[in-house]
């Protein structure tokens, strides 16, 4: 069964764990292919990988309702995007500049989205997406939709921006059903956290805004599923914004162009440096949720899906300036 046939919102417990793992696996294999294409000179622009952050991302994605909630992912949220319902063809077509992709072959290769389906296109000024989600939630409130939850993903660096403060303050005052997922990967590009903020833990900032704060080991899929499940449920129940801070380490450079030589080797050897995909795989084996044969089969299926998506996108037409009507994405 293809991963696109799995409905995360209908799963719980062990089934939800298996589903999230498979989204993580699919994201990892897709990004490995994208990285390979980038280094082969077949992708124009930057490539930013989510290696090491898949558990944190996928857990949020499976905790939301497809096409009913709002999910605003960032550049390292391939796993969450797929779990929320993004077709694998969308990243393939966007990275390869296909005119059939969601951005019609323009607007860079990472600023993709489908607003009508609850996934706004990313703004690179990273705290800004929190206010975008707030606006989408207020619009839904005006229409009488009080069930929708909005999730905005940001990094530790974005919590130091004015747009983050203004948006969270608004969300707190309005008691919006907002979940803010902060992937604290220890570096804002190459700036370590001790040069970004002075508080002991980013989750402590929730107190100042009068909202709930949750901390989680971002390398532990089970813990991420439990914490995000609780945060989304509280937001949906009218308890206001929820700040979830995941502690983890980016297992790659800021982008495919970056060798991350600023990350101390000692830090890589700590618990923060554990590979969440390998941890989840071992959890499945240890708890009898999958056999080695099943895990290998899932991997083969993921590789096949990636190859099919990329092969399809490579055959697609690219934009031609003379024939473009230049309509904005939001107009259709």
Protein backbone atom coordinates (compact mmCIF):
# COMPACT_ATOMS: atom_id res chain seq x y z
CA UNK A 1 0.00 0.00 0.00
CA UNK A 2 1.39 3.41 -0.97
CA UNK A 3 1.85 5.95 1.81
CA UNK A 4 -0.59 8.26 0.05
CA UNK A 5 -3.30 5.71 0.88
CA UNK A 6 -2.68 5.92 4.63
CA UNK A 7 -4.99 8.26 6.57
CA UNK A 8 -3.11 9.41 9.72
CA UNK A 9 -6.19 11.05 11.26
CA UNK A 10 -7.85 7.64 11.52
CA UNK A 11 -4.97 6.02 13.35
CA UNK A 12 -4.03 5.85 16.99
CA UNK A 13 -1.49 4.18 19.22
CA UNK A 14 0.72 1.59 17.56
CA UNK A 15 -0.84 2.19 14.15
CA UNK A 16 -0.13 5.90 14.45
CA UNK A 17 3.48 5.18 15.35
CA UNK A 18 3.90 2.93 12.31
CA UNK A 19 2.27 5.54 10.08
CA UNK A 20 4.50 8.32 11.37
CA UNK A 21 7.61 6.16 10.94
CA UNK A 22 6.72 5.46 7.32
CA UNK A 23 6.26 9.17 6.61
CA UNK A 24 9.66 9.79 8.20
CA UNK A 25 11.19 7.08 6.03
CA UNK A 26 9.58 8.42 2.86
CA UNK A 27 10.78 11.94 3.67
CA UNK A 28 14.33 10.73 4.33
CA UNK A 29 14.49 8.82 1.05
CA UNK A 30 12.99 11.74 -0.88
CA UNK A 31 15.49 14.19 0.56
CA UNK A 32 18.38 11.85 -0.15
CA UNK A 33 17.27 11.82 -3.78
CA UNK A 34 16.88 15.61 -3.85
CA UNK A 35 20.38 16.02 -2.39
CA UNK A 36 21.77 13.69 -5.05
CA UNK A 37 20.07 15.68 -7.82
CA UNK A 38 21.37 18.93 -6.34
CA UNK A 39 24.97 17.73 -6.26
CA UNK A 40 24.55 16.48 -9.83
CA UNK A 41 23.62 20.01 -10.89
CA UNK A 42 20.02 19.16 -11.75
CA UNK A 43 18.41 21.45 -9.14
CA UNK A 44 18.69 25.23 -9.27
CA UNK A 45 18.64 27.06 -5.94
CA UNK A 46 19.19 25.85 -2.41
CA UNK A 47 18.41 22.47 -0.89
CA UNK A 48 17.68 22.25 2.84
CA UNK A 49 17.30 18.85 4.44
CA UNK A 50 15.34 17.78 7.51
CA UNK A 51 17.64 14.90 8.47
CA UNK A 52 17.34 14.49 12.25
CA UNK A 53 14.08 16.43 12.53
CA UNK A 54 11.70 13.95 10.88
CA UNK A 55 10.19 12.64 14.13
CA UNK A 56 9.31 16.11 15.40
CA UNK A 57 7.84 17.04 12.03
CA UNK A 58 5.95 13.84 11.26
CA UNK A 59 4.42 13.70 14.74
CA UNK A 60 2.85 17.10 14.21
CA UNK A 61 1.65 16.19 10.73
CA UNK A 62 -0.17 13.04 11.85
CA UNK A 63 -1.75 14.89 14.78
CA UNK A 64 -3.60 17.30 12.49
CA UNK A 65 -6.68 16.75 10.33
CA UNK A 66 -6.04 16.81 6.60
CA UNK A 67 -7.71 19.63 4.68
CA UNK A 68 -9.53 20.74 7.83
CA UNK A 69 -6.71 22.09 9.97
CA UNK A 70 -3.93 24.50 8.94
CA UNK A 71 -0.32 23.40 8.69
CA UNK A 72 2.49 25.86 7.97
CA UNK A 73 5.73 23.88 7.51
CA UNK A 74 9.28 25.09 6.96
CA UNK A 75 12.19 23.91 4.83
CA UNK A 76 12.96 20.90 7.05
CA UNK A 77 9.39 19.67 7.36
CA UNK A 78 9.19 17.22 4.47
CA UNK A 79 7.97 14.49 6.87
CA UNK A 80 5.23 16.68 8.31
CA UNK A 81 4.15 17.86 4.87
CA UNK A 82 3.75 14.30 3.60
CA UNK A 83 1.93 13.23 6.76
CA UNK A 84 -0.47 16.16 6.37
CA UNK A 85 -1.29 15.05 2.84
CA UNK A 86 1.16 16.69 0.46
CA UNK A 87 1.56 14.47 -2.63
CA UNK A 88 5.14 13.34 -3.20
CA UNK A 89 4.89 14.83 -6.68
CA UNK A 90 4.65 18.33 -5.17
CA UNK A 91 8.23 18.49 -3.85
CA UNK A 92 9.54 16.61 -6.89
CA UNK A 93 7.90 19.02 -9.30
CA UNK A 94 8.80 22.10 -7.28
CA UNK A 95 12.49 21.23 -6.97
CA UNK A 96 12.70 20.34 -10.67
CA UNK A 97 10.80 23.43 -11.83
CA UNK A 98 7.81 21.66 -13.37
CA UNK A 99 4.98 23.87 -14.61
CA UNK A 100 2.59 21.22 -13.26
CA UNK A 101 3.74 21.70 -9.66
CA UNK A 102 1.84 23.67 -7.02
CA UNK A 103 3.94 26.80 -7.70
CA UNK A 104 3.84 26.29 -11.48
CA UNK A 105 7.61 26.20 -11.78
CA UNK A 106 8.40 29.49 -10.11
CA UNK A 107 8.83 31.10 -6.66
CA UNK A 108 12.01 29.19 -5.89
CA UNK A 109 12.06 25.51 -5.08
CA UNK A 110 11.02 25.44 -1.42
CA UNK A 111 8.25 28.04 -1.13
CA UNK A 112 5.54 25.62 -2.10
CA UNK A 113 2.08 25.21 -0.63
CA UNK A 114 -1.62 24.69 -1.26
CA UNK A 115 -3.49 27.34 0.77
CA UNK A 116 -6.91 26.05 -0.25
CA UNK A 117 -6.00 22.73 1.39
CA UNK A 118 -4.71 24.32 4.59
CA UNK A 119 -1.01 24.50 3.72
CA UNK A 120 0.19 28.07 3.05
CA UNK A 121 3.38 28.60 1.07
CA UNK A 122 6.36 29.37 3.26
CA UNK A 123 7.77 32.85 3.81
CA UNK A 124 11.54 32.78 4.25
CA UNK A 125 11.48 35.41 6.99
CA UNK A 126 10.92 32.69 9.53
CA UNK A 127 8.79 34.12 12.37
CA UNK A 128 6.36 35.51 9.81
CA UNK A 129 4.43 32.31 9.24
CA UNK A 130 3.02 32.39 12.78
CA UNK A 131 1.04 35.52 11.96
CA UNK A 132 -0.10 34.01 8.65
CA UNK A 133 -1.58 31.03 10.49
CA UNK A 134 -3.17 33.38 13.04
CA UNK A 135 -4.85 35.22 10.17
CA UNK A 136 -6.13 31.97 8.68
CA UNK A 137 -7.56 30.94 12.04
CA UNK A 138 -9.27 34.29 12.57
CA UNK A 139 -10.78 34.01 9.08
CA UNK A 140 -12.15 30.58 9.93
CA UNK A 141 -13.53 31.90 13.19
CA UNK A 142 -15.40 34.60 11.25
CA UNK A 143 -16.91 31.85 9.11
CA UNK A 144 -18.06 29.96 12.19
CA UNK A 145 -15.39 27.25 12.08
CA UNK A 146 -14.29 26.79 15.68
CA UNK A 147 -12.93 23.26 15.21
CA UNK A 148 -9.86 24.02 13.10
CA UNK A 149 -6.40 24.02 14.67
CA UNK A 150 -3.50 25.86 13.09
CA UNK A 151 0.12 24.72 13.39
CA UNK A 152 3.16 26.85 12.58
CA UNK A 153 6.67 25.42 12.45
CA UNK A 154 9.67 27.58 13.28
CA UNK A 155 13.24 27.15 14.47
CA UNK A 156 15.02 28.40 17.57
CA UNK A 157 16.36 31.42 15.68
CA UNK A 158 12.88 32.57 14.67
CA UNK A 159 11.83 32.90 18.32
CA UNK A 160 14.14 35.91 18.55
CA UNK A 161 12.30 37.86 15.84
CA UNK A 162 9.76 40.62 16.35
CA UNK A 163 7.24 38.90 14.09
CA UNK A 164 7.26 35.88 16.42
CA UNK A 165 6.58 38.04 19.48
CA UNK A 166 3.78 40.01 17.83
CA UNK A 167 2.05 36.92 16.44
CA UNK A 168 2.23 34.91 19.66
CA UNK A 169 1.00 37.88 21.68
CA UNK A 170 -1.98 38.24 19.32
CA UNK A 171 -2.72 34.52 19.43
CA UNK A 172 -2.59 34.54 23.23
CA UNK A 173 -4.95 37.52 23.57
CA UNK A 174 -7.40 36.02 21.07
CA UNK A 175 -6.99 32.49 22.51
CA UNK A 176 -6.50 31.13 19.03
CA UNK A 177 -6.25 27.34 18.57
CA UNK A 178 -2.61 27.61 17.53
CA UNK A 179 0.22 25.10 17.98
CA UNK A 180 3.70 26.55 17.53
CA UNK A 181 6.31 23.85 16.90
CA UNK A 182 9.80 25.12 17.68
CA UNK A 183 12.55 22.83 16.42
CA UNK A 184 15.43 23.81 18.66
CA UNK A 185 18.23 22.32 16.58
CA UNK A 186 20.86 24.28 18.56
CA UNK A 187 21.86 26.62 15.72
CA UNK A 188 20.28 29.52 13.84
CA UNK A 189 22.26 28.70 10.71
CA UNK A 190 25.66 28.76 12.45
CA UNK A 191 24.79 30.83 15.54
CA UNK A 192 24.58 28.63 18.67
CA UNK A 193 21.70 29.04 21.08
CA UNK A 194 23.83 30.62 23.82
CA UNK A 195 24.30 33.57 21.46
CA UNK A 196 20.59 33.74 20.60
CA UNK A 197 18.78 33.88 23.93
CA UNK A 198 19.54 33.97 27.66
CA UNK A 199 16.62 31.95 29.06
CA UNK A 200 17.39 28.43 30.26
CA UNK A 201 14.83 26.82 27.95
CA UNK A 202 12.79 28.27 25.09
CA UNK A 203 9.65 26.70 26.57
CA UNK A 204 9.95 29.22 29.42
CA UNK A 205 8.87 31.93 26.99
CA UNK A 206 5.35 30.50 27.06
CA UNK A 207 4.92 31.82 30.60
CA UNK A 208 5.45 35.41 29.49
CA UNK A 209 2.70 35.12 26.89
CA UNK A 210 0.30 33.37 29.23
CA UNK A 211 0.11 30.23 27.09
CA UNK A 212 0.85 26.54 27.59
CA UNK A 213 4.38 25.31 27.02
CA UNK A 214 5.53 21.74 26.30
CA UNK A 215 9.06 20.39 25.95
CA UNK A 216 9.88 17.18 24.11
CA UNK A 217 12.83 15.07 23.07
CA UNK A 218 12.72 15.69 19.33
CA UNK A 219 14.61 12.48 18.58
CA UNK A 220 11.96 10.27 20.26
CA UNK A 221 8.99 9.64 17.96
CA UNK A 222 6.79 8.17 20.70
CA UNK A 223 7.30 11.20 22.93
CA UNK A 224 6.72 13.60 20.02
CA UNK A 225 3.44 11.86 19.15
CA UNK A 226 2.26 12.03 22.76
CA UNK A 227 3.16 15.70 23.26
CA UNK A 228 1.81 16.94 19.94
CA UNK A 229 -1.33 14.89 20.40
CA UNK A 230 -1.92 16.56 23.75
CA UNK A 231 -1.08 20.05 22.47
CA UNK A 232 -3.40 19.76 19.46
CA UNK A 233 -6.20 18.41 21.64
CA UNK A 234 -5.84 21.29 24.10
CA UNK A 235 -5.83 23.86 21.31
CA UNK A 236 -8.92 22.30 19.74
CA UNK A 237 -10.67 22.27 23.12
CA UNK A 238 -10.35 26.04 23.46
CA UNK A 239 -7.30 26.17 25.72
CA UNK A 240 -5.52 28.71 23.51
CA UNK A 241 -2.06 28.61 21.92
CA UNK A 242 0.35 25.78 22.68
CA UNK A 243 4.12 26.20 22.41
CA UNK A 244 5.96 22.91 21.77
CA UNK A 245 9.75 22.99 21.89
CA UNK A 246 11.65 19.99 20.57
CA UNK A 247 15.30 19.55 21.49
CA UNK A 248 17.32 17.90 18.73
CA UNK A 249 20.25 18.44 16.41
CA UNK A 250 20.31 19.05 12.71
CA UNK A 251 22.22 16.05 11.29
CA UNK A 252 23.33 18.02 8.26
CA UNK A 253 24.43 21.52 7.41
CA UNK A 254 22.05 24.45 7.18
CA UNK A 255 21.78 23.59 3.49
CA UNK A 256 23.30 21.09 1.11
CA UNK A 257 25.98 23.69 0.40
CA UNK A 258 27.06 23.82 4.07
CA UNK A 259 29.39 21.28 5.71
CA UNK A 260 28.36 22.33 9.27
CA UNK A 261 31.97 22.57 10.46
CA UNK A 262 30.78 24.94 13.19
CA UNK A 263 28.99 22.09 15.03
CA UNK A 264 31.30 20.69 17.74
CA UNK A 265 31.97 16.98 17.39
CA UNK A 266 31.24 16.52 21.10
CA UNK A 267 27.71 17.86 20.58
CA UNK A 268 27.09 15.36 17.81
CA UNK A 269 27.90 12.55 20.25
CA UNK A 270 25.28 13.65 22.81
CA UNK A 271 21.68 12.47 22.95
CA UNK A 272 20.73 15.44 20.79
CA UNK A 273 22.70 13.91 17.93
CA UNK A 274 20.78 10.64 17.82
CA UNK A 275 19.15 9.80 14.49
CA UNK A 276 15.40 9.84 15.10
CA UNK A 277 14.75 7.50 12.17
CA UNK A 278 17.11 4.86 13.55
CA UNK A 279 15.61 5.26 17.03
CA UNK A 280 12.10 4.77 15.64
CA UNK A 281 13.20 1.74 13.63
CA UNK A 282 14.67 0.11 16.74
CA UNK A 283 11.52 0.95 18.71
CA UNK A 284 9.42 -0.88 16.12
CA UNK A 285 11.61 -3.95 16.44
CA UNK A 286 11.87 -3.85 20.24
CA UNK A 287 8.10 -3.56 20.69
CA UNK A 288 7.13 -6.10 18.08
CA UNK A 289 5.46 -3.50 15.87
CA UNK A 290 7.35 -4.61 12.77
CA UNK A 291 9.73 -7.32 11.62
CA UNK A 292 13.03 -6.80 9.84
CA UNK A 293 11.39 -8.07 6.66
CA UNK A 294 8.56 -5.52 6.96
CA UNK A 295 10.99 -2.69 7.59
CA UNK A 296 12.99 -3.65 4.51
CA UNK A 297 9.80 -3.86 2.45
CA UNK A 298 8.69 -0.39 3.60
CA UNK A 299 12.08 0.96 2.62
CA UNK A 300 11.84 -0.56 -0.84
CA UNK A 301 8.36 0.89 -1.26
CA UNK A 302 9.58 4.35 -0.20
CA UNK A 303 12.47 4.23 -2.67
CA UNK A 304 10.09 3.14 -5.44
CA UNK A 305 7.66 5.98 -4.70
CA UNK A 306 10.50 8.50 -4.76
CA UNK A 307 11.88 7.17 -8.03
CA UNK A 308 8.42 7.27 -9.62
CA UNK A 309 7.75 10.85 -8.48
CA UNK A 310 11.11 12.13 -9.67
CA UNK A 311 10.87 10.31 -13.01
CA UNK A 312 7.44 11.83 -13.56
CA UNK A 313 8.60 15.35 -12.68
CA UNK A 314 11.62 15.07 -14.95
CA UNK A 315 9.31 14.50 -17.92
CA UNK A 316 7.11 17.50 -17.12
CA UNK A 317 7.22 20.75 -19.11
CA UNK A 318 8.92 23.81 -17.63
CA UNK A 319 7.49 27.36 -17.67
CA UNK A 320 7.79 29.44 -20.83
CA UNK A 321 7.72 33.18 -20.19
CA UNK A 322 5.99 33.98 -23.46
CA UNK A 323 3.07 31.72 -22.66
CA UNK A 324 2.65 32.41 -18.95
CA UNK A 325 -0.43 34.18 -17.62
CA UNK A 326 1.34 34.82 -14.29
CA UNK A 327 -1.70 34.14 -12.16
CA UNK A 328 -1.04 33.98 -8.45
CA UNK A 329 -1.33 30.63 -6.71
CA UNK A 330 -4.24 31.85 -4.56
CA UNK A 331 -6.38 32.57 -7.62
CA UNK A 332 -7.06 28.94 -8.47
